[in-house]
């Protein structure tokens, strides 16, 4: 179990590192970039709410595997939210400068 968690952590770290190394999107490259970032962030929050509801259902049903699966999805949702927030902040900062 620890090995799987370690591998999942390494994969997540690698993906986040690659995401930060990629060239950041600039708000002036596409007029609707900030709106798109906000839409993506709202969609991430909706997905997080759905996964939390699924977790509660699995918990009520006593489905341990389902709880584990949903917990992993919730973690992924939180990572996506963090990444999208950072992108939105960058785009807003670039728009103010430009």
Protein backbone atom coordinates (compact mmCIF):
# COMPACT_ATOMS: atom_id res chain seq x y z
CA UNK A 1 0.00 0.00 0.00
CA UNK A 2 2.79 2.43 0.84
CA UNK A 3 4.46 1.72 -2.49
CA UNK A 4 1.29 2.56 -4.42
CA UNK A 5 0.84 5.79 -2.47
CA UNK A 6 4.47 6.69 -3.09
CA UNK A 7 4.12 6.04 -6.82
CA UNK A 8 0.91 8.06 -6.97
CA UNK A 9 2.66 10.90 -5.15
CA UNK A 10 5.62 10.80 -7.51
CA UNK A 11 3.35 10.81 -10.55
CA UNK A 12 1.36 13.74 -9.18
CA UNK A 13 4.55 15.65 -8.39
CA UNK A 14 5.89 15.00 -11.86
CA UNK A 15 2.67 16.19 -13.50
CA UNK A 16 2.60 19.34 -11.40
CA UNK A 17 6.24 20.03 -12.23
CA UNK A 18 5.58 19.61 -15.93
CA UNK A 19 2.57 21.90 -15.68
CA UNK A 20 4.65 24.63 -14.05
CA UNK A 21 7.46 24.27 -16.58
CA UNK A 22 5.13 24.76 -19.52
CA UNK A 23 4.99 28.28 -20.88
CA UNK A 24 2.31 30.18 -18.97
CA UNK A 25 -0.67 31.35 -20.97
CA UNK A 26 -0.80 35.10 -21.39
CA UNK A 27 -4.11 36.91 -21.14
CA UNK A 28 -3.35 38.98 -24.24
CA UNK A 29 -2.84 35.92 -26.45
CA UNK A 30 -6.57 35.24 -26.51
CA UNK A 31 -9.24 37.78 -25.57
CA UNK A 32 -11.37 35.31 -23.62
CA UNK A 33 -8.55 33.62 -21.71
CA UNK A 34 -9.58 34.95 -18.30
CA UNK A 35 -13.22 33.99 -18.85
CA UNK A 36 -12.12 30.53 -19.92
CA UNK A 37 -9.96 30.16 -16.80
CA UNK A 38 -12.91 31.12 -14.62
CA UNK A 39 -15.17 28.64 -16.43
CA UNK A 40 -12.64 25.86 -15.91
CA UNK A 41 -12.32 26.73 -12.24
CA UNK A 42 -16.11 26.65 -11.75
CA UNK A 43 -16.25 23.30 -13.53
CA UNK A 44 -13.52 21.97 -11.22
CA UNK A 45 -15.52 23.06 -8.16
CA UNK A 46 -18.65 21.34 -9.55
CA UNK A 47 -16.66 18.15 -10.13
CA UNK A 48 -15.31 18.33 -6.58
CA UNK A 49 -18.85 18.68 -5.21
CA UNK A 50 -20.01 15.65 -7.25
CA UNK A 51 -17.06 13.56 -6.05
CA UNK A 52 -17.71 14.52 -2.45
CA UNK A 53 -21.35 13.50 -2.84
CA UNK A 54 -20.26 10.19 -4.38
CA UNK A 55 -17.87 9.68 -1.45
CA UNK A 56 -20.71 10.24 1.03
CA UNK A 57 -22.89 7.72 -0.84
CA UNK A 58 -20.11 5.12 -0.89
CA UNK A 59 -19.52 5.72 2.81
CA UNK A 60 -23.22 5.28 3.60
CA UNK A 61 -23.25 2.06 1.60
CA UNK A 62 -20.11 0.80 3.34
CA UNK A 63 -18.27 0.57 0.01
CA UNK A 64 -14.62 0.87 1.06
CA UNK A 65 -13.26 0.53 -2.47
CA UNK A 66 -15.68 3.21 -3.66
CA UNK A 67 -14.63 5.48 -0.81
CA UNK A 68 -10.97 5.02 -1.72
CA UNK A 69 -11.66 5.71 -5.39
CA UNK A 70 -13.64 8.86 -4.62
CA UNK A 71 -11.00 10.06 -2.15
CA UNK A 72 -8.40 9.81 -4.93
CA UNK A 73 -10.68 11.72 -7.31
CA UNK A 74 -11.23 14.41 -4.67
CA UNK A 75 -7.47 14.82 -4.31
CA UNK A 76 -7.14 15.12 -8.07
CA UNK A 77 -9.94 17.71 -8.14
CA UNK A 78 -8.15 19.76 -5.48
CA UNK A 79 -4.91 19.65 -7.49
CA UNK A 80 -6.77 20.83 -10.60
CA UNK A 81 -8.40 23.64 -8.64
CA UNK A 82 -5.02 24.72 -7.30
CA UNK A 83 -3.51 24.66 -10.80
CA UNK A 84 -6.45 26.56 -12.34
CA UNK A 85 -6.38 29.19 -9.59
CA UNK A 86 -2.67 29.76 -10.21
CA UNK A 87 -3.28 30.08 -13.95
CA UNK A 88 -6.12 32.55 -13.38
CA UNK A 89 -3.92 34.62 -11.04
CA UNK A 90 -1.15 34.70 -13.66
CA UNK A 91 -3.56 35.74 -16.38
CA UNK A 92 -5.09 38.48 -14.22
CA UNK A 93 -1.63 39.75 -13.29
CA UNK A 94 -0.56 39.75 -16.96
CA UNK A 95 -3.77 41.56 -17.96
CA UNK A 96 -3.14 44.28 -15.36
CA UNK A 97 0.41 44.72 -16.61
CA UNK A 98 -0.61 44.75 -20.24
